[in-house]
């Protein structure tokens, strides 16, 4: 994020960083774009990943995590795809691009790279 973008967000921020000071109305004036950008900024300030559940599968410990976009990109660049991690797929075959099932060894690498 550029400095000018941070200045804009700081100007828009209210006393609570999760709220906007300015409420916009009307049609096609960028409300959705502003809301999406606001969510991305808050996501960048949040924890990079969160452990949702864990379970033992075939004698190996696996963790289900949800993560921010930078962490998801980092995970996809790692070797060992589908042996150490995989995208989370729900019972309707929907693929989550920000949720993963990761093996405990990969989970340790994630903790070392992105913090506990």
PDB file of N, CA and C in Angstrom:
ATOM      1  N   UNK A   1       0.837  -1.159   0.000  1.00  0.00           N
ATOM      2  CA  UNK A   1       0.000   0.000   0.000  1.00  0.00           C
ATOM      3  C   UNK A   1       0.895   1.240   0.000  1.00  0.00           C
ATOM      4  N   UNK A   2       0.534   2.209  -0.800  1.00  0.00           N
ATOM      5  CA  UNK A   2       1.307   3.440  -0.913  1.00  0.00           C
ATOM      6  C   UNK A   2       0.973   4.395   0.224  1.00  0.00           C
ATOM      7  N   UNK A   3       1.861   5.366   0.469  1.00  0.00           N
ATOM      8  CA  UNK A   3       1.636   6.331   1.547  1.00  0.00           C
ATOM      9  C   UNK A   3       0.357   7.136   1.331  1.00  0.00           C
ATOM     10  N   UNK A   4       0.104   7.517   0.066  1.00  0.00           N
ATOM     11  CA  UNK A   4      -1.092   8.312  -0.195  1.00  0.00           C
ATOM     12  C   UNK A   4      -2.361   7.513   0.093  1.00  0.00           C
ATOM     13  N   UNK A   5      -2.300   6.186  -0.137  1.00  0.00           N
ATOM     14  CA  UNK A   5      -3.459   5.353   0.174  1.00  0.00           C
ATOM     15  C   UNK A   5      -3.678   5.290   1.685  1.00  0.00           C
ATOM     16  N   UNK A   6      -2.586   5.174   2.433  1.00  0.00           N
ATOM     17  CA  UNK A   6      -2.699   5.157   3.889  1.00  0.00           C
ATOM     18  C   UNK A   6      -3.272   6.470   4.401  1.00  0.00           C
ATOM     19  N   UNK A   7      -2.863   7.584   3.791  1.00  0.00           N
ATOM     20  CA  UNK A   7      -3.387   8.890   4.203  1.00  0.00           C
ATOM     21  C   UNK A   7      -4.894   8.987   3.951  1.00  0.00           C
ATOM     22  N   UNK A   8      -5.342   8.464   2.810  1.00  0.00           N
ATOM     23  CA  UNK A   8      -6.772   8.488   2.503  1.00  0.00           C
ATOM     24  C   UNK A   8      -7.543   7.663   3.526  1.00  0.00           C
ATOM     25  N   UNK A   9      -7.029   6.459   3.808  1.00  0.00           N
ATOM     26  CA  UNK A   9      -7.727   5.607   4.770  1.00  0.00           C
ATOM     27  C   UNK A   9      -7.718   6.226   6.155  1.00  0.00           C
ATOM     28  N   UNK A  10      -6.610   6.872   6.520  1.00  0.00           N
ATOM     29  CA  UNK A  10      -6.546   7.529   7.829  1.00  0.00           C
ATOM     30  C   UNK A  10      -7.569   8.662   7.903  1.00  0.00           C
ATOM     31  N   UNK A  11      -7.752   9.386   6.803  1.00  0.00           N
ATOM     32  CA  UNK A  11      -8.727  10.478   6.775  1.00  0.00           C
ATOM     33  C   UNK A  11     -10.150   9.948   6.861  1.00  0.00           C
ATOM     34  N   UNK A  12     -10.402   8.769   6.296  1.00  0.00           N
ATOM     35  CA  UNK A  12     -11.742   8.185   6.311  1.00  0.00           C
ATOM     36  C   UNK A  12     -12.068   7.498   7.632  1.00  0.00           C
ATOM     37  N   UNK A  13     -11.045   7.093   8.345  1.00  0.00           N
ATOM     38  CA  UNK A  13     -11.256   6.292   9.555  1.00  0.00           C
ATOM     39  C   UNK A  13     -11.915   7.104  10.654  1.00  0.00           C
ATOM     40  N   UNK A  14     -12.806   6.449  11.367  1.00  0.00           N
ATOM     41  CA  UNK A  14     -13.426   7.073  12.532  1.00  0.00           C
ATOM     42  C   UNK A  14     -12.599   6.737  13.760  1.00  0.00           C
ATOM     43  N   UNK A  15     -13.221   6.774  14.914  1.00  0.00           N
ATOM     44  CA  UNK A  15     -12.506   6.442  16.139  1.00  0.00           C
ATOM     45  C   UNK A  15     -12.215   4.944  16.193  1.00  0.00           C
ATOM     46  N   UNK A  16     -13.040   4.152  15.581  1.00  0.00           N
ATOM     47  CA  UNK A  16     -12.836   2.708  15.500  1.00  0.00           C
ATOM     48  C   UNK A  16     -12.284   2.400  14.117  1.00  0.00           C
ATOM     49  N   UNK A  17     -11.106   1.747  14.003  1.00  0.00           N
ATOM     50  CA  UNK A  17     -10.512   1.507  12.686  1.00  0.00           C
ATOM     51  C   UNK A  17     -11.344   0.610  11.781  1.00  0.00           C
ATOM     52  N   UNK A  18     -12.373  -0.046  12.335  1.00  0.00           N
ATOM     53  CA  UNK A  18     -13.221  -0.890  11.507  1.00  0.00           C
ATOM     54  C   UNK A  18     -14.424  -0.137  10.958  1.00  0.00           C
ATOM     55  N   UNK A  19     -14.524   1.150  11.244  1.00  0.00           N
ATOM     56  CA  UNK A  19     -15.657   1.938  10.783  1.00  0.00           C
ATOM     57  C   UNK A  19     -15.180   3.057   9.869  1.00  0.00           C
ATOM     58  N   UNK A  20     -16.052   3.487   8.990  1.00  0.00           N
ATOM     59  CA  UNK A  20     -15.745   4.615   8.118  1.00  0.00           C
ATOM     60  C   UNK A  20     -16.460   5.853   8.634  1.00  0.00           C
ATOM     61  N   UNK A  21     -15.814   6.988   8.531  1.00  0.00           N
ATOM     62  CA  UNK A  21     -16.376   8.252   8.981  1.00  0.00           C
ATOM     63  C   UNK A  21     -17.408   8.764   8.002  1.00  0.00           C
ATOM     64  N   UNK A  22     -17.228   8.467   6.723  1.00  0.00           N
ATOM     65  CA  UNK A  22     -18.092   8.989   5.672  1.00  0.00           C
ATOM     66  C   UNK A  22     -18.997   7.869   5.173  1.00  0.00           C
ATOM     67  N   UNK A  23     -20.297   8.140   5.109  1.00  0.00           N
ATOM     68  CA  UNK A  23     -21.243   7.183   4.557  1.00  0.00           C
ATOM     69  C   UNK A  23     -21.705   7.746   3.222  1.00  0.00           C
ATOM     70  N   UNK A  24     -21.552   6.952   2.162  1.00  0.00           N
ATOM     71  CA  UNK A  24     -21.903   7.429   0.829  1.00  0.00           C
ATOM     72  C   UNK A  24     -23.255   6.852   0.422  1.00  0.00           C
ATOM     73  N   UNK A  25     -23.940   7.551  -0.448  1.00  0.00           N
ATOM     74  CA  UNK A  25     -25.210   7.079  -0.960  1.00  0.00           C
ATOM     75  C   UNK A  25     -25.277   7.297  -2.456  1.00  0.00           C
ATOM     76  N   UNK A  26     -26.383   6.912  -3.026  1.00  0.00           N
ATOM     77  CA  UNK A  26     -26.537   7.087  -4.465  1.00  0.00           C
ATOM     78  C   UNK A  26     -26.158   5.842  -5.233  1.00  0.00           C
ATOM     79  N   UNK A  27     -26.274   5.954  -6.553  1.00  0.00           N
ATOM     80  CA  UNK A  27     -26.009   4.802  -7.405  1.00  0.00           C
ATOM     81  C   UNK A  27     -24.718   5.005  -8.175  1.00  0.00           C
ATOM     82  N   UNK A  28     -23.968   3.922  -8.291  1.00  0.00           N
ATOM     83  CA  UNK A  28     -22.754   3.863  -9.105  1.00  0.00           C
ATOM     84  C   UNK A  28     -21.763   4.980  -8.769  1.00  0.00           C
ATOM     85  N   UNK A  29     -21.519   5.154  -7.471  1.00  0.00           N
ATOM     86  CA  UNK A  29     -20.528   6.151  -7.065  1.00  0.00           C
ATOM     87  C   UNK A  29     -19.326   5.507  -6.381  1.00  0.00           C
ATOM     88  N   UNK A  30     -19.264   4.188  -6.398  1.00  0.00           N
ATOM     89  CA  UNK A  30     -18.100   3.490  -5.868  1.00  0.00           C
ATOM     90  C   UNK A  30     -18.249   2.935  -4.470  1.00  0.00           C
ATOM     91  N   UNK A  31     -19.486   2.789  -3.971  1.00  0.00           N
ATOM     92  CA  UNK A  31     -19.674   2.254  -2.621  1.00  0.00           C
ATOM     93  C   UNK A  31     -19.089   0.849  -2.504  1.00  0.00           C
ATOM     94  N   UNK A  32     -19.345   0.008  -3.470  1.00  0.00           N
ATOM     95  CA  UNK A  32     -18.860  -1.375  -3.411  1.00  0.00           C
ATOM     96  C   UNK A  32     -17.344  -1.422  -3.479  1.00  0.00           C
ATOM     97  N   UNK A  33     -16.758  -0.587  -4.313  1.00  0.00           N
ATOM     98  CA  UNK A  33     -15.300  -0.553  -4.422  1.00  0.00           C
ATOM     99  C   UNK A  33     -14.687  -0.091  -3.112  1.00  0.00           C
ATOM    100  N   UNK A  34     -15.268   0.952  -2.519  1.00  0.00           N
ATOM    101  CA  UNK A  34     -14.763   1.445  -1.235  1.00  0.00           C
ATOM    102  C   UNK A  34     -14.889   0.373  -0.148  1.00  0.00           C
ATOM    103  N   UNK A  35     -16.012  -0.317  -0.128  1.00  0.00           N
ATOM    104  CA  UNK A  35     -16.210  -1.363   0.877  1.00  0.00           C
ATOM    105  C   UNK A  35     -15.197  -2.486   0.690  1.00  0.00           C
ATOM    106  N   UNK A  36     -14.946  -2.877  -0.556  1.00  0.00           N
ATOM    107  CA  UNK A  36     -13.975  -3.936  -0.831  1.00  0.00           C
ATOM    108  C   UNK A  36     -12.571  -3.502  -0.411  1.00  0.00           C
ATOM    109  N   UNK A  37     -12.198  -2.273  -0.742  1.00  0.00           N
ATOM    110  CA  UNK A  37     -10.882  -1.773  -0.354  1.00  0.00           C
ATOM    111  C   UNK A  37     -10.760  -1.688   1.166  1.00  0.00           C
ATOM    112  N   UNK A  38     -11.822  -1.254   1.825  1.00  0.00           N
ATOM    113  CA  UNK A  38     -11.817  -1.160   3.279  1.00  0.00           C
ATOM    114  C   UNK A  38     -11.612  -2.534   3.911  1.00  0.00           C
ATOM    115  N   UNK A  39     -12.279  -3.547   3.367  1.00  0.00           N
ATOM    116  CA  UNK A  39     -12.111  -4.910   3.878  1.00  0.00           C
ATOM    117  C   UNK A  39     -10.690  -5.402   3.677  1.00  0.00           C
ATOM    118  N   UNK A  40     -10.075  -5.078   2.530  1.00  0.00           N
ATOM    119  CA  UNK A  40      -8.697  -5.489   2.277  1.00  0.00           C
ATOM    120  C   UNK A  40      -7.733  -4.830   3.251  1.00  0.00           C
ATOM    121  N   UNK A  41      -7.947  -3.556   3.546  1.00  0.00           N
ATOM    122  CA  UNK A  41      -7.082  -2.858   4.501  1.00  0.00           C
ATOM    123  C   UNK A  41      -7.207  -3.492   5.878  1.00  0.00           C
ATOM    124  N   UNK A  42      -8.427  -3.749   6.320  1.00  0.00           N
ATOM    125  CA  UNK A  42      -8.617  -4.387   7.624  1.00  0.00           C
ATOM    126  C   UNK A  42      -8.034  -5.790   7.651  1.00  0.00           C
ATOM    127  N   UNK A  43      -8.119  -6.500   6.533  1.00  0.00           N
ATOM    128  CA  UNK A  43      -7.551  -7.847   6.460  1.00  0.00           C
ATOM    129  C   UNK A  43      -6.037  -7.795   6.613  1.00  0.00           C
ATOM    130  N   UNK A  44      -5.395  -6.791   6.009  1.00  0.00           N
ATOM    131  CA  UNK A  44      -3.944  -6.667   6.108  1.00  0.00           C
ATOM    132  C   UNK A  44      -3.507  -6.392   7.538  1.00  0.00           C
ATOM    133  N   UNK A  45      -4.361  -5.745   8.323  1.00  0.00           N
ATOM    134  CA  UNK A  45      -4.020  -5.429   9.696  1.00  0.00           C
ATOM    135  C   UNK A  45      -4.355  -6.564  10.651  1.00  0.00           C
ATOM    136  N   UNK A  46      -5.108  -7.538  10.178  1.00  0.00           N
ATOM    137  CA  UNK A  46      -5.503  -8.640  11.041  1.00  0.00           C
ATOM    138  C   UNK A  46      -4.415  -9.718  11.069  1.00  0.00           C
ATOM    139  N   UNK A  47      -4.665 -10.744  11.827  1.00  0.00           N
ATOM    140  CA  UNK A  47      -3.732 -11.866  11.921  1.00  0.00           C
ATOM    141  C   UNK A  47      -3.613 -12.523  10.549  1.00  0.00           C
ATOM    142  N   UNK A  48      -2.389 -12.880  10.116  1.00  0.00           N
ATOM    143  CA  UNK A  48      -2.206 -13.436   8.775  1.00  0.00           C
ATOM    144  C   UNK A  48      -2.936 -14.754   8.532  1.00  0.00           C
ATOM    145  N   UNK A  49      -3.100 -15.562   9.577  1.00  0.00           N
ATOM    146  CA  UNK A  49      -3.826 -16.828   9.417  1.00  0.00           C
ATOM    147  C   UNK A  49      -4.444 -17.211  10.747  1.00  0.00           C
ATOM    148  N   UNK A  50      -5.470 -18.050  10.681  1.00  0.00           N
ATOM    149  CA  UNK A  50      -6.153 -18.525  11.875  1.00  0.00           C
ATOM    150  C   UNK A  50      -6.383 -20.019  11.752  1.00  0.00           C
ATOM    151  N   UNK A  51      -6.041 -20.742  12.786  1.00  0.00           N
ATOM    152  CA  UNK A  51      -6.316 -22.182  12.810  1.00  0.00           C
ATOM    153  C   UNK A  51      -7.784 -22.378  13.149  1.00  0.00           C
ATOM    154  N   UNK A  52      -8.500 -23.090  12.288  1.00  0.00           N
ATOM    155  CA  UNK A  52      -9.921 -23.332  12.530  1.00  0.00           C
ATOM    156  C   UNK A  52     -10.149 -24.649  13.255  1.00  0.00           C
ATOM    157  N   UNK A  53      -9.577 -25.724  12.726  1.00  0.00           N
ATOM    158  CA  UNK A  53      -9.720 -27.035  13.360  1.00  0.00           C
ATOM    159  C   UNK A  53      -8.446 -27.833  13.122  1.00  0.00           C
ATOM    160  N   UNK A  54      -8.356 -28.952  13.806  1.00  0.00           N
ATOM    161  CA  UNK A  54      -7.260 -29.902  13.572  1.00  0.00           C
ATOM    162  C   UNK A  54      -7.801 -31.308  13.771  1.00  0.00           C
ATOM    163  N   UNK A  55      -7.195 -32.263  13.069  1.00  0.00           N
ATOM    164  CA  UNK A  55      -7.630 -33.660  13.179  1.00  0.00           C
ATOM    165  C   UNK A  55      -6.509 -34.573  12.716  1.00  0.00           C
ATOM    166  N   UNK A  56      -6.523 -35.773  13.243  1.00  0.00           N
ATOM    167  CA  UNK A  56      -5.556 -36.774  12.815  1.00  0.00           C
ATOM    168  C   UNK A  56      -6.151 -37.557  11.651  1.00  0.00           C
ATOM    169  N   UNK A  57      -5.395 -37.646  10.555  1.00  0.00           N
ATOM    170  CA  UNK A  57      -5.832 -38.362   9.356  1.00  0.00           C
ATOM    171  C   UNK A  57      -4.739 -39.358   8.987  1.00  0.00           C
ATOM    172  N   UNK A  58      -5.066 -40.641   8.997  1.00  0.00           N
ATOM    173  CA  UNK A  58      -4.112 -41.707   8.681  1.00  0.00           C
ATOM    174  C   UNK A  58      -2.831 -41.585   9.508  1.00  0.00           C
ATOM    175  N   UNK A  59      -2.998 -41.255  10.789  1.00  0.00           N
ATOM    176  CA  UNK A  59      -1.858 -41.165  11.685  1.00  0.00           C
ATOM    177  C   UNK A  59      -1.058 -39.874  11.554  1.00  0.00           C
ATOM    178  N   UNK A  60      -1.508 -38.945  10.742  1.00  0.00           N
ATOM    179  CA  UNK A  60      -0.813 -37.666  10.555  1.00  0.00           C
ATOM    180  C   UNK A  60      -1.746 -36.532  10.968  1.00  0.00           C
ATOM    181  N   UNK A  61      -1.193 -35.529  11.655  1.00  0.00           N
ATOM    182  CA  UNK A  61      -1.990 -34.391  12.111  1.00  0.00           C
ATOM    183  C   UNK A  61      -2.143 -33.370  10.990  1.00  0.00           C
ATOM    184  N   UNK A  62      -3.391 -32.935  10.736  1.00  0.00           N
ATOM    185  CA  UNK A  62      -3.698 -31.926   9.730  1.00  0.00           C
ATOM    186  C   UNK A  62      -4.455 -30.789  10.389  1.00  0.00           C
ATOM    187  N   UNK A  63      -4.247 -29.585   9.869  1.00  0.00           N
ATOM    188  CA  UNK A  63      -4.899 -28.387  10.388  1.00  0.00           C
ATOM    189  C   UNK A  63      -5.672 -27.709   9.266  1.00  0.00           C
ATOM    190  N   UNK A  64      -6.845 -27.186   9.585  1.00  0.00           N
ATOM    191  CA  UNK A  64      -7.590 -26.361   8.646  1.00  0.00           C
ATOM    192  C   UNK A  64      -7.368 -24.921   9.071  1.00  0.00           C
ATOM    193  N   UNK A  65      -6.871 -24.102   8.127  1.00  0.00           N
ATOM    194  CA  UNK A  65      -6.585 -22.701   8.431  1.00  0.00           C
ATOM    195  C   UNK A  65      -7.322 -21.794   7.448  1.00  0.00           C
ATOM    196  N   UNK A  66      -7.634 -20.593   7.885  1.00  0.00           N
ATOM    197  CA  UNK A  66      -8.091 -19.534   6.987  1.00  0.00           C
ATOM    198  C   UNK A  66      -7.010 -18.467   7.035  1.00  0.00           C
ATOM    199  N   UNK A  67      -6.782 -17.794   5.914  1.00  0.00           N
ATOM    200  CA  UNK A  67      -5.651 -16.877   5.859  1.00  0.00           C
ATOM    201  C   UNK A  67      -5.926 -15.678   4.966  1.00  0.00           C
ATOM    202  N   UNK A  68      -5.031 -14.707   5.044  1.00  0.00           N
ATOM    203  CA  UNK A  68      -5.114 -13.520   4.204  1.00  0.00           C
ATOM    204  C   UNK A  68      -4.569 -13.846   2.814  1.00  0.00           C
ATOM    205  N   UNK A  69      -4.786 -12.957   1.881  1.00  0.00           N
ATOM    206  CA  UNK A  69      -4.361 -13.179   0.501  1.00  0.00           C
ATOM    207  C   UNK A  69      -2.840 -13.384   0.371  1.00  0.00           C
ATOM    208  N   UNK A  70      -1.986 -12.579   1.031  1.00  0.00           N
ATOM    209  CA  UNK A  70      -0.540 -12.820   0.907  1.00  0.00           C
ATOM    210  C   UNK A  70      -0.112 -14.197   1.399  1.00  0.00           C
ATOM    211  N   UNK A  71      -0.734 -14.672   2.474  1.00  0.00           N
ATOM    212  CA  UNK A  71      -0.392 -16.007   2.990  1.00  0.00           C
ATOM    213  C   UNK A  71      -0.857 -17.077   2.010  1.00  0.00           C
ATOM    214  N   UNK A  72      -2.057 -16.915   1.448  1.00  0.00           N
ATOM    215  CA  UNK A  72      -2.565 -17.884   0.474  1.00  0.00           C
ATOM    216  C   UNK A  72      -1.650 -17.962  -0.750  1.00  0.00           C
ATOM    217  N   UNK A  73      -1.166 -16.824  -1.214  1.00  0.00           N
ATOM    218  CA  UNK A  73      -0.242 -16.815  -2.356  1.00  0.00           C
ATOM    219  C   UNK A  73       1.057 -17.530  -1.992  1.00  0.00           C
ATOM    220  N   UNK A  74       1.554 -17.297  -0.771  1.00  0.00           N
ATOM    221  CA  UNK A  74       2.786 -17.949  -0.328  1.00  0.00           C
ATOM    222  C   UNK A  74       2.593 -19.461  -0.267  1.00  0.00           C
ATOM    223  N   UNK A  75       1.460 -19.916   0.258  1.00  0.00           N
ATOM    224  CA  UNK A  75       1.188 -21.351   0.366  1.00  0.00           C
ATOM    225  C   UNK A  75       1.200 -21.993  -1.014  1.00  0.00           C
ATOM    226  N   UNK A  76       0.543 -21.366  -1.988  1.00  0.00           N
ATOM    227  CA  UNK A  76       0.470 -21.946  -3.333  1.00  0.00           C
ATOM    228  C   UNK A  76       1.829 -22.021  -4.029  1.00  0.00           C
ATOM    229  N   UNK A  77       2.787 -21.225  -3.599  1.00  0.00           N
ATOM    230  CA  UNK A  77       4.117 -21.230  -4.208  1.00  0.00           C
ATOM    231  C   UNK A  77       5.043 -22.280  -3.606  1.00  0.00           C
ATOM    232  N   UNK A  78       4.609 -22.939  -2.537  1.00  0.00           N
ATOM    233  CA  UNK A  78       5.456 -23.899  -1.853  1.00  0.00           C
ATOM    234  C   UNK A  78       5.446 -25.255  -2.556  1.00  0.00           C
ATOM    235  N   UNK A  79       6.601 -25.933  -2.553  1.00  0.00           N
ATOM    236  CA  UNK A  79       6.641 -27.286  -3.145  1.00  0.00           C
ATOM    237  C   UNK A  79       5.872 -28.268  -2.262  1.00  0.00           C
ATOM    238  N   UNK A  80       5.581 -29.416  -2.815  1.00  0.00           N
ATOM    239  CA  UNK A  80       4.873 -30.440  -2.064  1.00  0.00           C
ATOM    240  C   UNK A  80       3.373 -30.297  -2.123  1.00  0.00           C
ATOM    241  N   UNK A  81       2.875 -29.659  -3.181  1.00  0.00           N
ATOM    242  CA  UNK A  81       1.433 -29.477  -3.323  1.00  0.00           C
ATOM    243  C   UNK A  81       0.726 -30.825  -3.233  1.00  0.00           C
ATOM    244  N   UNK A  82      -0.354 -30.860  -2.493  1.00  0.00           N
ATOM    245  CA  UNK A  82      -1.218 -32.027  -2.318  1.00  0.00           C
ATOM    246  C   UNK A  82      -0.558 -33.148  -1.518  1.00  0.00           C
ATOM    247  N   UNK A  83       0.634 -32.923  -0.971  1.00  0.00           N
ATOM    248  CA  UNK A  83       1.189 -33.851   0.004  1.00  0.00           C
ATOM    249  C   UNK A  83       1.327 -33.162   1.353  1.00  0.00           C
ATOM    250  N   UNK A  84       1.530 -31.844   1.347  1.00  0.00           N
ATOM    251  CA  UNK A  84       1.662 -31.068   2.569  1.00  0.00           C
ATOM    252  C   UNK A  84       0.498 -30.098   2.780  1.00  0.00           C
ATOM    253  N   UNK A  85      -0.200 -29.722   1.694  1.00  0.00           N
ATOM    254  CA  UNK A  85      -1.329 -28.789   1.803  1.00  0.00           C
ATOM    255  C   UNK A  85      -2.290 -29.018   0.656  1.00  0.00           C
ATOM    256  N   UNK A  86      -3.512 -28.561   0.852  1.00  0.00           N
ATOM    257  CA  UNK A  86      -4.514 -28.626  -0.211  1.00  0.00           C
ATOM    258  C   UNK A  86      -5.584 -27.583   0.072  1.00  0.00           C
ATOM    259  N   UNK A  87      -6.202 -27.070  -1.000  1.00  0.00           N
ATOM    260  CA  UNK A  87      -7.321 -26.145  -0.813  1.00  0.00           C
ATOM    261  C   UNK A  87      -8.450 -26.857  -0.093  1.00  0.00           C
ATOM    262  N   UNK A  88      -9.143 -26.123   0.750  1.00  0.00           N
ATOM    263  CA  UNK A  88     -10.295 -26.689   1.438  1.00  0.00           C
ATOM    264  C   UNK A  88     -11.462 -26.748   0.462  1.00  0.00           C
ATOM    265  N   UNK A  89     -12.120 -27.886   0.392  1.00  0.00           N
ATOM    266  CA  UNK A  89     -13.278 -28.079  -0.482  1.00  0.00           C
ATOM    267  C   UNK A  89     -14.441 -28.512   0.402  1.00  0.00           C
ATOM    268  N   UNK A  90     -15.581 -27.830   0.273  1.00  0.00           N
ATOM    269  CA  UNK A  90     -16.711 -28.171   1.135  1.00  0.00           C
ATOM    270  C   UNK A  90     -17.542 -29.312   0.541  1.00  0.00           C
ATOM    271  N   UNK A  91     -18.646 -29.658   1.207  1.00  0.00           N
ATOM    272  CA  UNK A  91     -19.464 -30.796   0.782  1.00  0.00           C
ATOM    273  C   UNK A  91     -20.226 -30.540  -0.512  1.00  0.00           C
ATOM    274  N   UNK A  92     -20.199 -29.297  -1.015  1.00  0.00           N
ATOM    275  CA  UNK A  92     -20.826 -28.998  -2.307  1.00  0.00           C
ATOM    276  C   UNK A  92     -19.767 -28.779  -3.390  1.00  0.00           C
ATOM    277  N   UNK A  93     -18.528 -29.192  -3.102  1.00  0.00           N
ATOM    278  CA  UNK A  93     -17.398 -29.102  -4.017  1.00  0.00           C
ATOM    279  C   UNK A  93     -16.994 -27.661  -4.323  1.00  0.00           C
ATOM    280  N   UNK A  94     -17.265 -26.758  -3.369  1.00  0.00           N
ATOM    281  CA  UNK A  94     -16.821 -25.381  -3.511  1.00  0.00           C
ATOM    282  C   UNK A  94     -15.394 -25.278  -2.998  1.00  0.00           C
ATOM    283  N   UNK A  95     -14.484 -24.717  -3.800  1.00  0.00           N
ATOM    284  CA  UNK A  95     -13.086 -24.562  -3.409  1.00  0.00           C
ATOM    285  C   UNK A  95     -12.908 -23.197  -2.757  1.00  0.00           C
ATOM    286  N   UNK A  96     -12.373 -23.196  -1.543  1.00  0.00           N
ATOM    287  CA  UNK A  96     -12.068 -21.950  -0.837  1.00  0.00           C
ATOM    288  C   UNK A  96     -10.632 -21.560  -1.164  1.00  0.00           C
ATOM    289  N   UNK A  97     -10.436 -20.363  -1.671  1.00  0.00           N
ATOM    290  CA  UNK A  97      -9.091 -19.942  -2.053  1.00  0.00           C
ATOM    291  C   UNK A  97      -8.340 -19.285  -0.907  1.00  0.00           C
ATOM    292  N   UNK A  98      -8.996 -19.102   0.241  1.00  0.00           N
ATOM    293  CA  UNK A  98      -8.317 -18.540   1.403  1.00  0.00           C
ATOM    294  C   UNK A  98      -8.357 -19.488   2.601  1.00  0.00           C
ATOM    295  N   UNK A  99      -8.727 -20.742   2.358  1.00  0.00           N
ATOM    296  CA  UNK A  99      -8.761 -21.753   3.410  1.00  0.00           C
ATOM    297  C   UNK A  99      -8.051 -23.001   2.906  1.00  0.00           C
ATOM    298  N   UNK A 100      -7.235 -23.588   3.783  1.00  0.00           N
ATOM    299  CA  UNK A 100      -6.413 -24.730   3.387  1.00  0.00           C
ATOM    300  C   UNK A 100      -6.405 -25.787   4.474  1.00  0.00           C
ATOM    301  N   UNK A 101      -6.201 -27.022   4.042  1.00  0.00           N
ATOM    302  CA  UNK A 101      -5.850 -28.113   4.939  1.00  0.00           C
ATOM    303  C   UNK A 101      -4.347 -28.282   4.800  1.00  0.00           C
ATOM    304  N   UNK A 102      -3.622 -28.208   5.924  1.00  0.00           N
ATOM    305  CA  UNK A 102      -2.162 -28.302   5.878  1.00  0.00           C
ATOM    306  C   UNK A 102      -1.671 -29.357   6.851  1.00  0.00           C
ATOM    307  N   UNK A 103      -0.626 -30.070   6.447  1.00  0.00           N
ATOM    308  CA  UNK A 103       0.015 -31.076   7.285  1.00  0.00           C
ATOM    309  C   UNK A 103       0.771 -30.373   8.406  1.00  0.00           C
ATOM    310  N   UNK A 104       0.981 -31.054   9.538  1.00  0.00           N
ATOM    311  CA  UNK A 104       1.605 -30.412  10.690  1.00  0.00           C
ATOM    312  C   UNK A 104       3.011 -29.894  10.403  1.00  0.00           C
ATOM    313  N   UNK A 105       3.787 -30.549   9.539  1.00  0.00           N
ATOM    314  CA  UNK A 105       5.121 -30.041   9.194  1.00  0.00           C
ATOM    315  C   UNK A 105       5.004 -28.726   8.423  1.00  0.00           C
ATOM    316  N   UNK A 106       4.065 -28.662   7.504  1.00  0.00           N
ATOM    317  CA  UNK A 106       3.840 -27.441   6.745  1.00  0.00           C
ATOM    318  C   UNK A 106       3.296 -26.345   7.662  1.00  0.00           C
ATOM    319  N   UNK A 107       2.464 -26.730   8.619  1.00  0.00           N
ATOM    320  CA  UNK A 107       1.919 -25.774   9.584  1.00  0.00           C
ATOM    321  C   UNK A 107       3.042 -25.129  10.392  1.00  0.00           C
ATOM    322  N   UNK A 108       4.060 -25.901  10.731  1.00  0.00           N
ATOM    323  CA  UNK A 108       5.210 -25.345  11.446  1.00  0.00           C
ATOM    324  C   UNK A 108       5.966 -24.343  10.568  1.00  0.00           C
ATOM    325  N   UNK A 109       6.119 -24.661   9.269  1.00  0.00           N
ATOM    326  CA  UNK A 109       6.753 -23.716   8.342  1.00  0.00           C
ATOM    327  C   UNK A 109       5.939 -22.428   8.267  1.00  0.00           C
ATOM    328  N   UNK A 110       4.613 -22.565   8.236  1.00  0.00           N
ATOM    329  CA  UNK A 110       3.720 -21.411   8.196  1.00  0.00           C
ATOM    330  C   UNK A 110       3.915 -20.544   9.445  1.00  0.00           C
ATOM    331  N   UNK A 111       4.005 -21.178  10.617  1.00  0.00           N
ATOM    332  CA  UNK A 111       4.216 -20.438  11.862  1.00  0.00           C
ATOM    333  C   UNK A 111       5.567 -19.724  11.857  1.00  0.00           C
ATOM    334  N   UNK A 112       6.600 -20.394  11.356  1.00  0.00           N
ATOM    335  CA  UNK A 112       7.914 -19.768  11.312  1.00  0.00           C
ATOM    336  C   UNK A 112       7.942 -18.582  10.361  1.00  0.00           C
ATOM    337  N   UNK A 113       7.262 -18.704   9.229  1.00  0.00           N
ATOM    338  CA  UNK A 113       7.271 -17.638   8.226  1.00  0.00           C
ATOM    339  C   UNK A 113       6.370 -16.469   8.592  1.00  0.00           C
ATOM    340  N   UNK A 114       5.168 -16.737   9.118  1.00  0.00           N
ATOM    341  CA  UNK A 114       4.154 -15.695   9.325  1.00  0.00           C
ATOM    342  C   UNK A 114       3.866 -15.419  10.799  1.00  0.00           C
ATOM    343  N   UNK A 115       4.526 -16.109  11.713  1.00  0.00           N
ATOM    344  CA  UNK A 115       4.304 -15.856  13.133  1.00  0.00           C
ATOM    345  C   UNK A 115       3.232 -16.755  13.716  1.00  0.00           C
ATOM    346  N   UNK A 116       3.230 -16.845  15.031  1.00  0.00           N
ATOM    347  CA  UNK A 116       2.300 -17.757  15.711  1.00  0.00           C
ATOM    348  C   UNK A 116       0.917 -17.209  15.816  1.00  0.00           C
TER     349      UNK A 116
END
